[in-house]
Amino acid sequence: MEDLHDKQKYFIEEVGLGFEKLGLPRMAGRILGWLLIADPPHQCSRELVEMLSASKGSISAMTRLLIQIGLVERVSFPGDRRDYFRIKLGAWSAVMEQRLAQISAIRQLADRGLALLEDDRPEYSQRLREMRDLHAFFEQEWPHLLDRWQNNSGAIKDP
């Protein structure tokens, strides 16, 4: 990682490891880590390759993934043929909204599982009820939390 201070390098690696724990490839997390602290906040593929000591193919695949999940966007500037990547404004709120859909899907799975079980097997239905009840709780509360965040925190909204 050329021209980066040790603290920046450690931060980038820490973000990479953190997002790897959440299921993303480590390189996708490293790209996020760099884009979070980069100056300027938009970086072209060549800059990402150089700064992260990564291959062009890896950067290409991981930026496509980050665009697909809504954390990064591709931008261009008049007179410049290169594409640049930056953290998408409002990306973190959008990710949390996507989590609501995942919570709902898990609650629906638990409901379907409960419908399959007979009432005389409480030890089986107990596990599914806990799964359903927890996800139903978050399904109900999550939108209120997002609203509070967007209304009270000065959350950045995508133009």
Foldseek 3Di string as FASTA:
>chain_A
DPPDDPVLVVQLQVQLVVVVVVPDHSLLSSVQSCLVPDVVNKAFLVRSCVVVVHDSVVSVVSQVVCVVLQQKDWDDDPPDPTIIIHGAAVSVLVNLVVVLVVLVVQLVVLVVVLVPDDPVCVVVNVVSVVSNVVSVVCNVCSVVVSVCCVPPVVGTDGD
